[in-house]
Amino acid sequence: MASSRQKKAIKSASKTTGRKTSQKYGYCTSEPRSAMKPSKQKICVWQNIWEKTNSGLTKDMLVENSQGKIVSKRRREAALKLLANNPHIREQFLKHRKSKKSTNT
């Protein structure tokens, strides 16, 4: 059995405040790149742990979209262009977003 002093030490050591980026995103160093999903690879590049993803995307090629997901700038620009130029798709998108908000609240 652990004494109360040891329990307090364990509890304080397990707090996540002041955690470094490399500890927070430990999978960036522990998992092999080839086995990692592209979304995790983008997070590792976004946090300046890696220089580039397997597909060659660097941090200046990535951007955070409105949902907070890290995507390539090209993909984001293509989606914005599609929504701007096609009113039917924009209408469906806004309808879907509105229904999603109403179910989440």
Foldseek 3Di string as FASTA:
>chain_A
DDDPVVVVVVVVVPDCPPPDPCVVLVCVPPPDLVPDDPQSQLVCQCSVNDQAHPVGDHNVQWDQDPVRGIDGPVVVVVVVVVLVPDVVVVVVVVVVVVVVVVVVD
